[in-house]
Protein backbone atom coordinates (compact mmCIF):
# COMPACT_ATOMS: atom_id res chain seq x y z
CA MET A 1 -0.02 0.03 -0.08
CA LYS A 2 3.01 2.43 0.86
CA LYS A 3 4.44 1.57 -2.56
CA ILE A 4 1.10 2.64 -4.40
CA GLY A 5 1.00 5.96 -2.38
CA ALA A 6 4.69 6.66 -3.35
CA ILE A 7 3.89 6.17 -6.93
CA GLY A 8 0.84 8.49 -6.85
CA VAL A 9 2.90 11.12 -5.06
CA LEU A 10 5.61 10.88 -7.74
CA LEU A 11 3.16 10.94 -10.54
CA LEU A 12 1.39 14.14 -9.09
CA ALA A 13 4.70 15.93 -8.67
CA LEU A 14 5.90 15.04 -12.30
CA ALA A 15 2.38 16.34 -13.76
CA ALA A 16 2.81 19.63 -11.80
CA CYS A 17 6.12 20.39 -13.48
CA ASN A 18 4.78 22.37 -16.44
CA THR A 19 1.50 23.17 -15.03
CA PRO A 20 0.58 26.81 -15.82
CA PRO A 21 -0.67 29.21 -13.23
CA LEU A 22 -4.58 29.51 -12.86
CA GLY A 23 -4.81 32.52 -14.73
CA PHE A 24 -3.34 31.01 -17.80
CA MET A 25 -5.31 27.51 -17.58
CA GLY A 26 -6.57 26.52 -21.03
CA THR A 27 -3.78 28.28 -23.08
CA GLU A 28 -1.36 26.23 -24.98
CA PRO A 29 2.18 27.00 -24.55
CA THR A 30 4.62 27.95 -27.44
CA ARG A 31 8.11 26.30 -26.67
CA VAL A 32 11.10 28.60 -27.43
CA THR A 33 14.74 28.13 -27.06
CA ILE A 34 16.74 31.22 -26.36
CA ASP A 35 20.58 30.63 -26.20
CA ASP A 36 20.87 27.77 -23.84
CA SER A 37 17.32 28.30 -21.87
CA VAL A 38 14.11 26.53 -23.06
CA PHE A 39 10.78 28.25 -22.15
CA ASP A 40 7.10 27.29 -22.49
CA VAL A 41 5.66 30.79 -23.15
CA ARG A 42 1.81 31.49 -22.76
CA ILE A 43 -0.17 34.62 -23.71
CA LYS A 44 -3.55 35.62 -22.26
CA ASP A 45 -5.39 38.80 -21.70
CA GLY A 46 -2.37 41.11 -22.33
CA GLN A 47 0.04 39.05 -20.03
CA ALA A 48 2.74 36.62 -20.46
CA HIS A 49 4.00 33.52 -18.54
CA ALA A 50 7.60 31.85 -19.35
CA LEU A 51 8.45 28.91 -17.71
CA ARG A 52 11.96 27.76 -17.96
CA LEU A 53 12.15 23.85 -18.59
CA ASN A 54 15.89 23.08 -19.04
CA LYS A 55 18.28 22.55 -15.94
CA GLU A 56 21.00 25.16 -15.81
CA PHE A 57 23.73 25.19 -13.32
CA ALA A 58 23.11 28.13 -10.92
CA PRO A 59 21.04 30.18 -13.04
CA ASN A 60 21.28 33.92 -12.48
CA ILE A 61 17.96 35.80 -12.67
CA SER A 62 19.54 38.56 -14.76
CA PHE A 63 20.52 36.41 -17.67
CA VAL A 64 17.24 34.24 -17.44
CA ALA A 65 15.25 37.24 -17.29
CA GLY A 66 16.74 38.63 -20.52
CA ARG A 67 16.17 35.39 -22.29
CA ALA A 68 12.67 34.97 -21.11
CA ALA A 69 11.88 38.59 -22.32
CA THR A 70 13.30 37.71 -25.62
CA ALA A 71 11.03 34.27 -25.83
CA ILE A 72 8.19 36.44 -24.58
CA THR A 73 8.54 39.20 -27.37
CA GLN A 74 9.02 36.50 -29.91
CA VAL A 75 5.85 34.73 -29.19
CA SER A 76 3.39 37.47 -28.38
CA GLY A 77 4.72 39.95 -30.89
CA CYS A 78 4.32 42.67 -28.29
CA ALA A 79 6.54 44.72 -26.30
CA ILE A 80 6.96 44.19 -22.67
CA VAL A 81 5.80 47.15 -20.49
CA SER A 82 8.71 48.55 -18.73
CA GLY A 83 9.03 47.46 -15.02
CA SER A 84 6.40 44.74 -15.34
CA LEU A 85 9.04 41.71 -16.03
CA ALA A 86 9.10 39.84 -12.55
CA GLY A 87 9.77 36.44 -11.30
CA ASP A 88 12.47 34.11 -10.50
CA PRO A 89 14.87 32.06 -12.62
CA ILE A 90 12.27 29.24 -13.42
CA PHE A 91 8.87 31.45 -13.64
CA ILE A 92 8.65 34.90 -15.35
CA THR A 93 5.72 36.94 -15.91
CA ALA A 94 5.30 40.21 -17.64
CA ASP A 95 2.67 42.56 -18.73
CA LEU A 96 2.40 43.38 -22.50
CA ASP A 97 1.96 46.32 -24.74
CA CYS A 98 0.74 45.22 -27.99
CA ALA A 99 -0.11 48.60 -29.18
CA SER A 100 3.57 49.72 -29.11
CA THR A 101 5.69 49.11 -32.30
CA ASP A 102 8.90 49.08 -30.00
CA LEU A 103 9.86 45.52 -29.56
CA GLU A 104 13.02 46.03 -27.59
CA THR A 105 13.28 43.58 -25.00
CA PRO A 106 13.86 45.04 -21.23
CA THR A 107 16.88 43.78 -19.23
């Protein structure tokens, strides 16, 4: 019985690895590779969510955030609202300005 419980916990943990936050449920991700980072990017209602999927040794948020911003602008075709990029080396969110023609990615 303990073995079945342990397998169930393991399966739940694996299923949660690429689960979007509640606000992005129902949106399909677009997989993007930027340099050495692989992201699943989801866009919904003027917001973006980038989830880094690959392993990186001691990832630095400043490097990962720049790569995530590039992935988000490639997928959305929109500029990122200045100061809205937030998160950690795995999970990055941003507000989008799709009316802007300036697609520079903030760093």
